[in-house]
Amino acid sequence: MWNSFLGKRLKGCGYAAKGAWMLLKKEPSIQVQAFIAIVMTVAGFYFEISSIEWMLQIFAIALVMSIEGLNTATEEIADFVHPDFHSKIGFIKDVAAGAVFFAAIGAVIIGCIIYIPKF
């Protein structure tokens, strides 16, 4: 069964869930973002945001957490390939962190658009 098309997809989902759990368990930045995601989800229920606002909020949360996961993977690969300081590795890590920064700024803007009018 595990060699069938569906079996391979299910196996892949298992690996993805394991990776998500590893991120949540071991990465402080993802833990902070998960906490913020929970707070914003509670706020969404409290302020009874619209369906479109929910979609934007969920998209922003997923985007930030996904890019943070890619940033973590990039840092791990870079440290594995070249454990000592190297300016190119530093550049790669900074660019990956910059991508998270862009997503986080976008998420903050989306949050402001949704919640400032509610106050």
C-alpha atoms as a PDB file:
ATOM      1  CA  MET A   1       0.000   0.000   0.000  1.00  0.00           C
ATOM      2  CA  TRP A   2       2.818   2.447   0.834  1.00  0.00           C
ATOM      3  CA  ASN A   3       4.201   2.119  -2.728  1.00  0.00           C
ATOM      4  CA  SER A   4       0.948   3.264  -4.330  1.00  0.00           C
ATOM      5  CA  PHE A   5       0.395   6.851  -5.409  1.00  0.00           C
ATOM      6  CA  LEU A   6      -1.875   7.543  -2.436  1.00  0.00           C
ATOM      7  CA  GLY A   7       0.430   5.712  -0.044  1.00  0.00           C
ATOM      8  CA  LYS A   8       3.400   7.833  -1.092  1.00  0.00           C
ATOM      9  CA  ARG A   9       1.361  11.029  -0.615  1.00  0.00           C
ATOM     10  CA  LEU A  10       0.297   9.902   2.870  1.00  0.00           C
ATOM     11  CA  LYS A  11       3.903   9.063   3.707  1.00  0.00           C
ATOM     12  CA  GLY A  12       4.934  12.535   2.506  1.00  0.00           C
ATOM     13  CA  CYS A  13       2.274  14.124   4.726  1.00  0.00           C
ATOM     14  CA  GLY A  14       3.732  12.187   7.637  1.00  0.00           C
ATOM     15  CA  TYR A  15       7.203  13.612   6.960  1.00  0.00           C
ATOM     16  CA  ALA A  16       5.734  17.115   6.640  1.00  0.00           C
ATOM     17  CA  ALA A  17       3.857  16.779   9.949  1.00  0.00           C
ATOM     18  CA  LYS A  18       7.052  15.497  11.600  1.00  0.00           C
ATOM     19  CA  GLY A  19       8.972  18.506  10.269  1.00  0.00           C
ATOM     20  CA  ALA A  20       6.309  20.926  11.488  1.00  0.00           C
ATOM     21  CA  TRP A  21       6.364  19.297  14.922  1.00  0.00           C
ATOM     22  CA  MET A  22      10.185  19.478  15.032  1.00  0.00           C
ATOM     23  CA  LEU A  23      10.026  23.187  14.200  1.00  0.00           C
ATOM     24  CA  LEU A  24       7.432  23.871  16.900  1.00  0.00           C
ATOM     25  CA  LYS A  25       9.308  21.803  19.445  1.00  0.00           C
ATOM     26  CA  LYS A  26      12.855  23.093  18.892  1.00  0.00           C
ATOM     27  CA  GLU A  27      12.810  26.510  17.228  1.00  0.00           C
ATOM     28  CA  PRO A  28      12.217  29.510  19.523  1.00  0.00           C
ATOM     29  CA  SER A  29      11.319  31.818  16.612  1.00  0.00           C
ATOM     30  CA  ILE A  30       8.556  29.472  15.429  1.00  0.00           C
ATOM     31  CA  GLN A  31       7.338  29.119  19.017  1.00  0.00           C
ATOM     32  CA  VAL A  32       6.989  32.899  19.303  1.00  0.00           C
ATOM     33  CA  GLN A  33       5.196  33.047  15.956  1.00  0.00           C
ATOM     34  CA  ALA A  34       2.895  30.181  16.947  1.00  0.00           C
ATOM     35  CA  PHE A  35       2.013  32.083  20.140  1.00  0.00           C
ATOM     36  CA  ILE A  36       1.278  35.223  18.106  1.00  0.00           C
ATOM     37  CA  ALA A  37      -0.828  33.118  15.720  1.00  0.00           C
ATOM     38  CA  ILE A  38      -2.881  31.810  18.649  1.00  0.00           C
ATOM     39  CA  VAL A  39      -3.362  35.324  20.048  1.00  0.00           C
ATOM     40  CA  MET A  40      -4.456  36.616  16.633  1.00  0.00           C
ATOM     41  CA  THR A  41      -6.826  33.671  16.179  1.00  0.00           C
ATOM     42  CA  VAL A  42      -8.434  34.407  19.547  1.00  0.00           C
ATOM     43  CA  ALA A  43      -8.655  38.086  18.530  1.00  0.00           C
ATOM     44  CA  GLY A  44     -10.345  37.036  15.288  1.00  0.00           C
ATOM     45  CA  PHE A  45     -13.052  35.201  17.200  1.00  0.00           C
ATOM     46  CA  TYR A  46     -13.404  38.007  19.740  1.00  0.00           C
ATOM     47  CA  PHE A  47     -13.795  40.717  17.094  1.00  0.00           C
ATOM     48  CA  GLU A  48     -15.866  38.450  14.809  1.00  0.00           C
ATOM     49  CA  ILE A  49     -13.777  39.224  11.741  1.00  0.00           C
ATOM     50  CA  SER A  50     -15.266  38.532   8.302  1.00  0.00           C
ATOM     51  CA  SER A  51     -14.510  35.518   6.116  1.00  0.00           C
ATOM     52  CA  ILE A  52     -12.188  37.569   3.932  1.00  0.00           C
ATOM     53  CA  GLU A  53     -10.384  38.904   7.007  1.00  0.00           C
ATOM     54  CA  TRP A  54     -10.003  35.309   8.237  1.00  0.00           C
ATOM     55  CA  MET A  55      -8.534  34.299   4.885  1.00  0.00           C
ATOM     56  CA  LEU A  56      -6.045  37.151   4.959  1.00  0.00           C
ATOM     57  CA  GLN A  57      -5.098  36.465   8.560  1.00  0.00           C
ATOM     58  CA  ILE A  58      -4.632  32.732   8.000  1.00  0.00           C
ATOM     59  CA  PHE A  59      -2.614  33.428   4.846  1.00  0.00           C
ATOM     60  CA  ALA A  60      -0.370  35.884   6.717  1.00  0.00           C
ATOM     61  CA  ILE A  61       0.195  33.440   9.597  1.00  0.00           C
ATOM     62  CA  ALA A  62       0.916  30.555   7.230  1.00  0.00           C
ATOM     63  CA  LEU A  63       3.260  32.678   5.116  1.00  0.00           C
ATOM     64  CA  VAL A  64       5.339  33.886   8.063  1.00  0.00           C
ATOM     65  CA  MET A  65       5.583  30.446   9.650  1.00  0.00           C
ATOM     66  CA  SER A  66       6.389  28.775   6.325  1.00  0.00           C
ATOM     67  CA  ILE A  67       9.142  31.208   5.460  1.00  0.00           C
ATOM     68  CA  GLU A  68      10.521  30.921   8.990  1.00  0.00           C
ATOM     69  CA  GLY A  69      10.686  27.153   8.440  1.00  0.00           C
ATOM     70  CA  LEU A  70      12.578  27.686   5.187  1.00  0.00           C
ATOM     71  CA  ASN A  71      14.871  30.149   6.973  1.00  0.00           C
ATOM     72  CA  THR A  72      15.614  27.548   9.647  1.00  0.00           C
ATOM     73  CA  ALA A  73      16.311  24.906   7.008  1.00  0.00           C
ATOM     74  CA  THR A  74      18.610  27.316   5.143  1.00  0.00           C
ATOM     75  CA  GLU A  75      20.535  28.089   8.326  1.00  0.00           C
ATOM     76  CA  GLU A  76      20.871  24.396   9.182  1.00  0.00           C
ATOM     77  CA  ILE A  77      22.151  23.531   5.702  1.00  0.00           C
ATOM     78  CA  ALA A  78      24.577  26.467   5.728  1.00  0.00           C
ATOM     79  CA  ASP A  79      25.937  25.483   9.157  1.00  0.00           C
ATOM     80  CA  PHE A  80      26.288  21.858   8.024  1.00  0.00           C
ATOM     81  CA  VAL A  81      28.110  22.758   4.806  1.00  0.00           C
ATOM     82  CA  HIS A  82      30.378  25.368   6.384  1.00  0.00           C
ATOM     83  CA  PRO A  83      30.343  25.327  10.218  1.00  0.00           C
ATOM     84  CA  ASP A  84      32.992  28.058  10.528  1.00  0.00           C
ATOM     85  CA  PHE A  85      32.275  31.702   9.847  1.00  0.00           C
ATOM     86  CA  HIS A  86      32.297  32.581   6.163  1.00  0.00           C
ATOM     87  CA  SER A  87      31.068  35.834   4.658  1.00  0.00           C
ATOM     88  CA  LYS A  88      29.088  34.044   1.911  1.00  0.00           C
ATOM     89  CA  ILE A  89      27.331  31.814   4.461  1.00  0.00           C
ATOM     90  CA  GLY A  90      26.586  34.920   6.530  1.00  0.00           C
ATOM     91  CA  PHE A  91      25.118  36.600   3.454  1.00  0.00           C
ATOM     92  CA  ILE A  92      22.932  33.565   2.684  1.00  0.00           C
ATOM     93  CA  LYS A  93      21.639  33.431   6.263  1.00  0.00           C
ATOM     94  CA  ASP A  94      20.958  37.179   6.313  1.00  0.00           C
ATOM     95  CA  VAL A  95      19.015  37.011   3.043  1.00  0.00           C
ATOM     96  CA  ALA A  96      16.905  34.115   4.373  1.00  0.00           C
ATOM     97  CA  ALA A  97      16.205  36.096   7.555  1.00  0.00           C
ATOM     98  CA  GLY A  98      15.320  39.111   5.399  1.00  0.00           C
ATOM     99  CA  ALA A  99      12.657  37.041   3.657  1.00  0.00           C
ATOM    100  CA  VAL A 100      11.073  36.313   7.037  1.00  0.00           C
ATOM    101  CA  PHE A 101      11.244  40.024   7.833  1.00  0.00           C
ATOM    102  CA  PHE A 102       9.325  40.919   4.643  1.00  0.00           C
ATOM    103  CA  ALA A 103       6.630  38.348   5.439  1.00  0.00           C
ATOM    104  CA  ALA A 104       6.380  39.541   9.050  1.00  0.00           C
ATOM    105  CA  ILE A 105       6.009  43.182   7.987  1.00  0.00           C
ATOM    106  CA  GLY A 106       3.276  42.145   5.558  1.00  0.00           C
ATOM    107  CA  ALA A 107       1.531  40.206   8.342  1.00  0.00           C
ATOM    108  CA  VAL A 108       1.692  43.205  10.685  1.00  0.00           C
ATOM    109  CA  ILE A 109       0.190  45.426   7.978  1.00  0.00           C
ATOM    110  CA  ILE A 110      -2.608  42.913   7.369  1.00  0.00           C
ATOM    111  CA  GLY A 111      -3.225  42.763  11.133  1.00  0.00           C
ATOM    112  CA  CYS A 112      -3.407  46.558  11.327  1.00  0.00           C
ATOM    113  CA  ILE A 113      -5.827  46.738   8.392  1.00  0.00           C
ATOM    114  CA  ILE A 114      -8.073  44.158  10.060  1.00  0.00           C
ATOM    115  CA  TYR A 115      -7.921  45.267  13.693  1.00  0.00           C
ATOM    116  CA  ILE A 116      -7.329  49.045  13.872  1.00  0.00           C
ATOM    117  CA  PRO A 117     -10.875  49.802  12.619  1.00  0.00           C
ATOM    118  CA  LYS A 118     -12.271  47.559  15.365  1.00  0.00           C
ATOM    119  CA  PHE A 119     -10.921  49.836  18.130  1.00  0.00           C
END
